[in-house]
Amino acid sequence: MKLLSMDGALLRRRILRLNVVAGLLVAIVAVVLSVTGEYSNLADREAAESVFNLIALGGVLYAAFAWMFCVMSKPFWFPVSDKNKT
């Protein structure tokens, strides 16, 4: 990977952090919909809750992978300043 300019590195980090927030938002919405849902019968409830659980799990996994990518790739993007050179 090539080092980016400071503006490019900050933009990329901001985009990755927004992906983390988006994943967590999807998980929260799925959990809220699962808890507050009103269903006509038990079969509908079980079907909807299994889908909501899969969506919530996917959101959490997406947020975790985006966060790990943000943390692990940070040294490759940010330019080395004169203070950090040894």
PDB file of N, CA and C in Angstrom:
ATOM      1  N   MET A   1       0.838  -1.171   0.000  1.00  0.00           N
ATOM      2  CA  MET A   1       0.000   0.000   0.000  1.00  0.00           C
ATOM      3  C   MET A   1       0.887   1.240   0.000  1.00  0.00           C
ATOM      4  N   LYS A   2       0.439   2.239  -0.680  1.00  0.00           N
ATOM      5  CA  LYS A   2       1.199   3.480  -0.682  1.00  0.00           C
ATOM      6  C   LYS A   2       0.705   4.387   0.428  1.00  0.00           C
ATOM      7  N   LEU A   3       1.618   5.231   0.907  1.00  0.00           N
ATOM      8  CA  LEU A   3       1.224   6.206   1.913  1.00  0.00           C
ATOM      9  C   LEU A   3       0.385   7.283   1.254  1.00  0.00           C
ATOM     10  N   LEU A   4      -0.652   7.680   1.925  1.00  0.00           N
ATOM     11  CA  LEU A   4      -1.544   8.703   1.414  1.00  0.00           C
ATOM     12  C   LEU A   4      -1.152  10.060   1.988  1.00  0.00           C
ATOM     13  N   SER A   5      -1.672  11.082   1.384  1.00  0.00           N
ATOM     14  CA  SER A   5      -1.515  12.404   1.989  1.00  0.00           C
ATOM     15  C   SER A   5      -2.334  12.432   3.276  1.00  0.00           C
ATOM     16  N   MET A   6      -2.078  13.401   4.116  1.00  0.00           N
ATOM     17  CA  MET A   6      -2.792  13.466   5.397  1.00  0.00           C
ATOM     18  C   MET A   6      -4.293  13.615   5.183  1.00  0.00           C
ATOM     19  N   ASP A   7      -4.696  14.421   4.198  1.00  0.00           N
ATOM     20  CA  ASP A   7      -6.130  14.581   3.924  1.00  0.00           C
ATOM     21  C   ASP A   7      -6.750  13.271   3.446  1.00  0.00           C
ATOM     22  N   GLY A   8      -6.052  12.559   2.573  1.00  0.00           N
ATOM     23  CA  GLY A   8      -6.567  11.286   2.077  1.00  0.00           C
ATOM     24  C   GLY A   8      -6.650  10.235   3.167  1.00  0.00           C
ATOM     25  N   ALA A   9      -5.653  10.214   4.039  1.00  0.00           N
ATOM     26  CA  ALA A   9      -5.661   9.245   5.138  1.00  0.00           C
ATOM     27  C   ALA A   9      -6.787   9.535   6.120  1.00  0.00           C
ATOM     28  N   LEU A  10      -7.001  10.819   6.419  1.00  0.00           N
ATOM     29  CA  LEU A  10      -8.092  11.176   7.332  1.00  0.00           C
ATOM     30  C   LEU A  10      -9.454  10.866   6.722  1.00  0.00           C
ATOM     31  N   LEU A  11      -9.600  11.093   5.417  1.00  0.00           N
ATOM     32  CA  LEU A  11     -10.856  10.774   4.745  1.00  0.00           C
ATOM     33  C   LEU A  11     -11.124   9.275   4.766  1.00  0.00           C
ATOM     34  N   ARG A  12     -10.099   8.490   4.503  1.00  0.00           N
ATOM     35  CA  ARG A  12     -10.276   7.031   4.506  1.00  0.00           C
ATOM     36  C   ARG A  12     -10.616   6.527   5.902  1.00  0.00           C
ATOM     37  N   ARG A  13      -9.970   7.083   6.925  1.00  0.00           N
ATOM     38  CA  ARG A  13     -10.285   6.673   8.296  1.00  0.00           C
ATOM     39  C   ARG A  13     -11.703   7.066   8.665  1.00  0.00           C
ATOM     40  N   ARG A  14     -12.145   8.247   8.229  1.00  0.00           N
ATOM     41  CA  ARG A  14     -13.506   8.705   8.514  1.00  0.00           C
ATOM     42  C   ARG A  14     -14.533   7.795   7.840  1.00  0.00           C
ATOM     43  N   ILE A  15     -14.255   7.388   6.617  1.00  0.00           N
ATOM     44  CA  ILE A  15     -15.170   6.485   5.906  1.00  0.00           C
ATOM     45  C   ILE A  15     -15.255   5.137   6.615  1.00  0.00           C
ATOM     46  N   LEU A  16     -14.118   4.616   7.068  1.00  0.00           N
ATOM     47  CA  LEU A  16     -14.140   3.345   7.784  1.00  0.00           C
ATOM     48  C   LEU A  16     -14.884   3.460   9.111  1.00  0.00           C
ATOM     49  N   ARG A  17     -14.721   4.570   9.788  1.00  0.00           N
ATOM     50  CA  ARG A  17     -15.459   4.752  11.045  1.00  0.00           C
ATOM     51  C   ARG A  17     -16.954   4.868  10.795  1.00  0.00           C
ATOM     52  N   LEU A  18     -17.342   5.492   9.690  1.00  0.00           N
ATOM     53  CA  LEU A  18     -18.760   5.547   9.348  1.00  0.00           C
ATOM     54  C   LEU A  18     -19.297   4.147   9.041  1.00  0.00           C
ATOM     55  N   ASN A  19     -18.472   3.282   8.451  1.00  0.00           N
ATOM     56  CA  ASN A  19     -18.890   1.900   8.220  1.00  0.00           C
ATOM     57  C   ASN A  19     -19.109   1.162   9.534  1.00  0.00           C
ATOM     58  N   VAL A  20     -18.273   1.430  10.524  1.00  0.00           N
ATOM     59  CA  VAL A  20     -18.458   0.817  11.841  1.00  0.00           C
ATOM     60  C   VAL A  20     -19.783   1.272  12.440  1.00  0.00           C
ATOM     61  N   VAL A  21     -20.042   2.566  12.372  1.00  0.00           N
ATOM     62  CA  VAL A  21     -21.296   3.106  12.912  1.00  0.00           C
ATOM     63  C   VAL A  21     -22.498   2.542  12.156  1.00  0.00           C
ATOM     64  N   ALA A  22     -22.381   2.418  10.838  1.00  0.00           N
ATOM     65  CA  ALA A  22     -23.490   1.869  10.041  1.00  0.00           C
ATOM     66  C   ALA A  22     -23.781   0.422  10.429  1.00  0.00           C
ATOM     67  N   GLY A  23     -22.751  -0.383  10.621  1.00  0.00           N
ATOM     68  CA  GLY A  23     -22.949  -1.770  11.034  1.00  0.00           C
ATOM     69  C   GLY A  23     -23.625  -1.876  12.384  1.00  0.00           C
ATOM     70  N   LEU A  24     -23.198  -1.035  13.323  1.00  0.00           N
ATOM     71  CA  LEU A  24     -23.825  -1.056  14.643  1.00  0.00           C
ATOM     72  C   LEU A  24     -25.264  -0.548  14.594  1.00  0.00           C
ATOM     73  N   LEU A  25     -25.519   0.433  13.734  1.00  0.00           N
ATOM     74  CA  LEU A  25     -26.882   0.945  13.577  1.00  0.00           C
ATOM     75  C   LEU A  25     -27.810  -0.136  13.021  1.00  0.00           C
ATOM     76  N   VAL A  26     -27.340  -0.895  12.048  1.00  0.00           N
ATOM     77  CA  VAL A  26     -28.134  -1.990  11.484  1.00  0.00           C
ATOM     78  C   VAL A  26     -28.439  -3.018  12.564  1.00  0.00           C
ATOM     79  N   ALA A  27     -27.452  -3.345  13.383  1.00  0.00           N
ATOM     80  CA  ALA A  27     -27.668  -4.324  14.448  1.00  0.00           C
ATOM     81  C   ALA A  27     -28.678  -3.812  15.469  1.00  0.00           C
ATOM     82  N   ILE A  28     -28.570  -2.545  15.835  1.00  0.00           N
ATOM     83  CA  ILE A  28     -29.502  -1.981  16.820  1.00  0.00           C
ATOM     84  C   ILE A  28     -30.927  -1.954  16.278  1.00  0.00           C
ATOM     85  N   VAL A  29     -31.083  -1.560  15.023  1.00  0.00           N
ATOM     86  CA  VAL A  29     -32.421  -1.512  14.421  1.00  0.00           C
ATOM     87  C   VAL A  29     -33.021  -2.916  14.352  1.00  0.00           C
ATOM     88  N   ALA A  30     -32.213  -3.908  13.988  1.00  0.00           N
ATOM     89  CA  ALA A  30     -32.728  -5.275  13.912  1.00  0.00           C
ATOM     90  C   ALA A  30     -33.159  -5.786  15.282  1.00  0.00           C
ATOM     91  N   VAL A  31     -32.400  -5.462  16.318  1.00  0.00           N
ATOM     92  CA  VAL A  31     -32.772  -5.899  17.666  1.00  0.00           C
ATOM     93  C   VAL A  31     -34.052  -5.200  18.123  1.00  0.00           C
ATOM     94  N   VAL A  32     -34.155  -3.907  17.850  1.00  0.00           N
ATOM     95  CA  VAL A  32     -35.361  -3.169  18.244  1.00  0.00           C
ATOM     96  C   VAL A  32     -36.583  -3.706  17.509  1.00  0.00           C
ATOM     97  N   LEU A  33     -36.450  -3.973  16.223  1.00  0.00           N
ATOM     98  CA  LEU A  33     -37.576  -4.530  15.474  1.00  0.00           C
ATOM     99  C   LEU A  33     -37.951  -5.923  15.974  1.00  0.00           C
ATOM    100  N   SER A  34     -36.955  -6.691  16.389  1.00  0.00           N
ATOM    101  CA  SER A  34     -37.241  -8.019  16.919  1.00  0.00           C
ATOM    102  C   SER A  34     -37.975  -7.938  18.256  1.00  0.00           C
ATOM    103  N   VAL A  35     -37.610  -6.978  19.068  1.00  0.00           N
ATOM    104  CA  VAL A  35     -38.220  -6.861  20.397  1.00  0.00           C
ATOM    105  C   VAL A  35     -39.619  -6.257  20.320  1.00  0.00           C
ATOM    106  N   THR A  36     -39.801  -5.268  19.467  1.00  0.00           N
ATOM    107  CA  THR A  36     -41.069  -4.539  19.455  1.00  0.00           C
ATOM    108  C   THR A  36     -42.068  -5.035  18.412  1.00  0.00           C
ATOM    109  N   GLY A  37     -41.721  -6.098  17.691  1.00  0.00           N
ATOM    110  CA  GLY A  37     -42.614  -6.574  16.636  1.00  0.00           C
ATOM    111  C   GLY A  37     -43.900  -7.165  17.181  1.00  0.00           C
ATOM    112  N   GLU A  38     -44.990  -6.938  16.439  1.00  0.00           N
ATOM    113  CA  GLU A  38     -46.285  -7.536  16.776  1.00  0.00           C
ATOM    114  C   GLU A  38     -46.658  -8.489  15.648  1.00  0.00           C
ATOM    115  N   TYR A  39     -46.937  -9.719  16.008  1.00  0.00           N
ATOM    116  CA  TYR A  39     -47.205 -10.755  15.013  1.00  0.00           C
ATOM    117  C   TYR A  39     -48.549 -11.413  15.311  1.00  0.00           C
ATOM    118  N   SER A  40     -49.169 -11.931  14.246  1.00  0.00           N
ATOM    119  CA  SER A  40     -50.490 -12.533  14.418  1.00  0.00           C
ATOM    120  C   SER A  40     -50.419 -13.937  15.012  1.00  0.00           C
ATOM    121  N   ASN A  41     -49.333 -14.639  14.730  1.00  0.00           N
ATOM    122  CA  ASN A  41     -49.207 -15.980  15.298  1.00  0.00           C
ATOM    123  C   ASN A  41     -47.738 -16.304  15.582  1.00  0.00           C
ATOM    124  N   LEU A  42     -47.518 -17.448  16.214  1.00  0.00           N
ATOM    125  CA  LEU A  42     -46.181 -17.830  16.637  1.00  0.00           C
ATOM    126  C   LEU A  42     -45.261 -18.120  15.456  1.00  0.00           C
ATOM    127  N   ALA A  43     -45.762 -18.688  14.394  1.00  0.00           N
ATOM    128  CA  ALA A  43     -44.933 -19.018  13.238  1.00  0.00           C
ATOM    129  C   ALA A  43     -44.376 -17.751  12.578  1.00  0.00           C
ATOM    130  N   ASP A  44     -45.216 -16.726  12.467  1.00  0.00           N
ATOM    131  CA  ASP A  44     -44.744 -15.458  11.911  1.00  0.00           C
ATOM    132  C   ASP A  44     -43.668 -14.837  12.796  1.00  0.00           C
ATOM    133  N   ARG A  45     -43.873 -14.922  14.091  1.00  0.00           N
ATOM    134  CA  ARG A  45     -42.903 -14.347  15.030  1.00  0.00           C
ATOM    135  C   ARG A  45     -41.561 -15.048  14.939  1.00  0.00           C
ATOM    136  N   GLU A  46     -41.567 -16.369  14.908  1.00  0.00           N
ATOM    137  CA  GLU A  46     -40.314 -17.121  14.838  1.00  0.00           C
ATOM    138  C   GLU A  46     -39.581 -16.862  13.530  1.00  0.00           C
ATOM    139  N   ALA A  47     -40.317 -16.766  12.430  1.00  0.00           N
ATOM    140  CA  ALA A  47     -39.689 -16.498  11.141  1.00  0.00           C
ATOM    141  C   ALA A  47     -39.063 -15.104  11.108  1.00  0.00           C
ATOM    142  N   ALA A  48     -39.791 -14.124  11.599  1.00  0.00           N
ATOM    143  CA  ALA A  48     -39.274 -12.750  11.598  1.00  0.00           C
ATOM    144  C   ALA A  48     -38.093 -12.604  12.546  1.00  0.00           C
ATOM    145  N   GLU A  49     -38.158 -13.201  13.705  1.00  0.00           N
ATOM    146  CA  GLU A  49     -37.066 -13.071  14.660  1.00  0.00           C
ATOM    147  C   GLU A  49     -35.796 -13.748  14.174  1.00  0.00           C
ATOM    148  N   SER A  50     -35.924 -14.862  13.457  1.00  0.00           N
ATOM    149  CA  SER A  50     -34.717 -15.494  12.931  1.00  0.00           C
ATOM    150  C   SER A  50     -34.049 -14.611  11.870  1.00  0.00           C
ATOM    151  N   VAL A  51     -34.858 -13.955  11.057  1.00  0.00           N
ATOM    152  CA  VAL A  51     -34.302 -13.034  10.064  1.00  0.00           C
ATOM    153  C   VAL A  51     -33.659 -11.828  10.748  1.00  0.00           C
ATOM    154  N   PHE A  52     -34.338 -11.269  11.735  1.00  0.00           N
ATOM    155  CA  PHE A  52     -33.781 -10.126  12.460  1.00  0.00           C
ATOM    156  C   PHE A  52     -32.491 -10.493  13.191  1.00  0.00           C
ATOM    157  N   ASN A  53     -32.429 -11.708  13.736  1.00  0.00           N
ATOM    158  CA  ASN A  53     -31.210 -12.152  14.411  1.00  0.00           C
ATOM    159  C   ASN A  53     -30.047 -12.271  13.423  1.00  0.00           C
ATOM    160  N   LEU A  54     -30.317 -12.792  12.243  1.00  0.00           N
ATOM    161  CA  LEU A  54     -29.262 -12.889  11.234  1.00  0.00           C
ATOM    162  C   LEU A  54     -28.796 -11.505  10.782  1.00  0.00           C
ATOM    163  N   ILE A  55     -29.723 -10.585  10.628  1.00  0.00           N
ATOM    164  CA  ILE A  55     -29.360  -9.220  10.237  1.00  0.00           C
ATOM    165  C   ILE A  55     -28.540  -8.559  11.338  1.00  0.00           C
ATOM    166  N   ALA A  56     -28.929  -8.734  12.589  1.00  0.00           N
ATOM    167  CA  ALA A  56     -28.182  -8.147  13.704  1.00  0.00           C
ATOM    168  C   ALA A  56     -26.776  -8.732  13.785  1.00  0.00           C
ATOM    169  N   LEU A  57     -26.664 -10.033  13.637  1.00  0.00           N
ATOM    170  CA  LEU A  57     -25.349 -10.672  13.666  1.00  0.00           C
ATOM    171  C   LEU A  57     -24.487 -10.182  12.505  1.00  0.00           C
ATOM    172  N   GLY A  58     -25.072 -10.051  11.338  1.00  0.00           N
ATOM    173  CA  GLY A  58     -24.334  -9.530  10.187  1.00  0.00           C
ATOM    174  C   GLY A  58     -23.865  -8.103  10.409  1.00  0.00           C
ATOM    175  N   GLY A  59     -24.693  -7.270  11.023  1.00  0.00           N
ATOM    176  CA  GLY A  59     -24.308  -5.897  11.323  1.00  0.00           C
ATOM    177  C   GLY A  59     -23.154  -5.825  12.303  1.00  0.00           C
ATOM    178  N   VAL A  60     -23.198  -6.656  13.326  1.00  0.00           N
ATOM    179  CA  VAL A  60     -22.114  -6.677  14.311  1.00  0.00           C
ATOM    180  C   VAL A  60     -20.816  -7.171  13.670  1.00  0.00           C
ATOM    181  N   LEU A  61     -20.901  -8.220  12.867  1.00  0.00           N
ATOM    182  CA  LEU A  61     -19.698  -8.732  12.192  1.00  0.00           C
ATOM    183  C   LEU A  61     -19.132  -7.710  11.213  1.00  0.00           C
ATOM    184  N   TYR A  62     -19.998  -7.024  10.479  1.00  0.00           N
ATOM    185  CA  TYR A  62     -19.551  -5.996   9.550  1.00  0.00           C
ATOM    186  C   TYR A  62     -18.835  -4.868  10.296  1.00  0.00           C
ATOM    187  N   ALA A  63     -19.406  -4.442  11.411  1.00  0.00           N
ATOM    188  CA  ALA A  63     -18.779  -3.382  12.212  1.00  0.00           C
ATOM    189  C   ALA A  63     -17.435  -3.849  12.764  1.00  0.00           C
ATOM    190  N   ALA A  64     -17.353  -5.088  13.207  1.00  0.00           N
ATOM    191  CA  ALA A  64     -16.096  -5.599  13.755  1.00  0.00           C
ATOM    192  C   ALA A  64     -15.014  -5.668  12.685  1.00  0.00           C
ATOM    193  N   PHE A  65     -15.356  -6.151  11.499  1.00  0.00           N
ATOM    194  CA  PHE A  65     -14.357  -6.233  10.433  1.00  0.00           C
ATOM    195  C   PHE A  65     -13.938  -4.854   9.943  1.00  0.00           C
ATOM    196  N   ALA A  66     -14.863  -3.923   9.865  1.00  0.00           N
ATOM    197  CA  ALA A  66     -14.510  -2.559   9.461  1.00  0.00           C
ATOM    198  C   ALA A  66     -13.609  -1.918  10.506  1.00  0.00           C
ATOM    199  N   TRP A  67     -13.887  -2.148  11.773  1.00  0.00           N
ATOM    200  CA  TRP A  67     -13.052  -1.596  12.833  1.00  0.00           C
ATOM    201  C   TRP A  67     -11.657  -2.206  12.803  1.00  0.00           C
ATOM    202  N   MET A  68     -11.572  -3.531  12.627  1.00  0.00           N
ATOM    203  CA  MET A  68     -10.258  -4.178  12.554  1.00  0.00           C
ATOM    204  C   MET A  68      -9.460  -3.674  11.354  1.00  0.00           C
ATOM    205  N   PHE A  69     -10.127  -3.494  10.220  1.00  0.00           N
ATOM    206  CA  PHE A  69      -9.436  -2.983   9.050  1.00  0.00           C
ATOM    207  C   PHE A  69      -8.945  -1.563   9.290  1.00  0.00           C
ATOM    208  N   CYS A  70      -9.747  -0.763   9.966  1.00  0.00           N
ATOM    209  CA  CYS A  70      -9.359   0.615  10.289  1.00  0.00           C
ATOM    210  C   CYS A  70      -8.129   0.630  11.195  1.00  0.00           C
ATOM    211  N   VAL A  71      -8.111  -0.213  12.201  1.00  0.00           N
ATOM    212  CA  VAL A  71      -7.008  -0.231  13.160  1.00  0.00           C
ATOM    213  C   VAL A  71      -5.743  -0.830  12.543  1.00  0.00           C
ATOM    214  N   MET A  72      -5.890  -1.947  11.843  1.00  0.00           N
ATOM    215  CA  MET A  72      -4.724  -2.641  11.316  1.00  0.00           C
ATOM    216  C   MET A  72      -4.073  -1.929  10.129  1.00  0.00           C
ATOM    217  N   SER A  73      -4.838  -1.191   9.363  1.00  0.00           N
ATOM    218  CA  SER A  73      -4.281  -0.563   8.173  1.00  0.00           C
ATOM    219  C   SER A  73      -3.813   0.871   8.410  1.00  0.00           C
ATOM    220  N   LYS A  74      -4.017   1.390   9.586  1.00  0.00           N
ATOM    221  CA  LYS A  74      -3.646   2.778   9.876  1.00  0.00           C
ATOM    222  C   LYS A  74      -2.167   3.060   9.606  1.00  0.00           C
ATOM    223  N   PRO A  75      -1.227   2.213  10.006  1.00  0.00           N
ATOM    224  CA  PRO A  75       0.186   2.535   9.754  1.00  0.00           C
ATOM    225  C   PRO A  75       0.552   2.585   8.269  1.00  0.00           C
ATOM    226  N   PHE A  76      -0.227   1.944   7.434  1.00  0.00           N
ATOM    227  CA  PHE A  76       0.097   1.924   6.012  1.00  0.00           C
ATOM    228  C   PHE A  76      -0.386   3.163   5.280  1.00  0.00           C
ATOM    229  N   TRP A  77      -1.331   3.887   5.834  1.00  0.00           N
ATOM    230  CA  TRP A  77      -1.928   5.022   5.137  1.00  0.00           C
ATOM    231  C   TRP A  77      -1.369   6.359   5.569  1.00  0.00           C
ATOM    232  N   PHE A  78      -1.088   6.502   6.851  1.00  0.00           N
ATOM    233  CA  PHE A  78      -0.712   7.815   7.346  1.00  0.00           C
ATOM    234  C   PHE A  78       0.751   8.110   7.027  1.00  0.00           C
ATOM    235  N   PRO A  79       1.017   9.293   6.526  1.00  0.00           N
ATOM    236  CA  PRO A  79       2.393   9.647   6.197  1.00  0.00           C
ATOM    237  C   PRO A  79       3.241   9.758   7.462  1.00  0.00           C
ATOM    238  N   VAL A  80       4.510   9.438   7.305  1.00  0.00           N
ATOM    239  CA  VAL A  80       5.434   9.525   8.423  1.00  0.00           C
ATOM    240  C   VAL A  80       5.894  10.963   8.551  1.00  0.00           C
ATOM    241  N   SER A  81       5.713  11.535   9.707  1.00  0.00           N
ATOM    242  CA  SER A  81       6.153  12.916   9.918  1.00  0.00           C
ATOM    243  C   SER A  81       7.612  12.923  10.346  1.00  0.00           C
ATOM    244  N   ASP A  82       8.235  14.071  10.338  1.00  0.00           N
ATOM    245  CA  ASP A  82       9.629  14.169  10.724  1.00  0.00           C
ATOM    246  C   ASP A  82       9.827  13.825  12.190  1.00  0.00           C
ATOM    247  N   LYS A  83       8.820  14.044  13.006  1.00  0.00           N
ATOM    248  CA  LYS A  83       8.919  13.733  14.435  1.00  0.00           C
ATOM    249  C   LYS A  83       8.968  12.231  14.675  1.00  0.00           C
ATOM    250  N   ASN A  84       8.286  11.452  13.808  1.00  0.00           N
ATOM    251  CA  ASN A  84       8.191  10.007  14.012  1.00  0.00           C
ATOM    252  C   ASN A  84       9.365   9.244  13.404  1.00  0.00           C
ATOM    253  N   LYS A  85      10.187   9.889  12.613  1.00  0.00           N
ATOM    254  CA  LYS A  85      11.317   9.194  11.992  1.00  0.00           C
ATOM    255  C   LYS A  85      12.387   8.932  13.035  1.00  0.00           C
ATOM    256  N   THR A  86      12.930   7.717  12.997  1.00  0.00           N
ATOM    257  CA  THR A  86      14.009   7.392  13.916  1.00  0.00           C
ATOM    258  C   THR A  86      15.193   6.855  13.172  1.00  0.00           C
TER     259      THR A  86
END
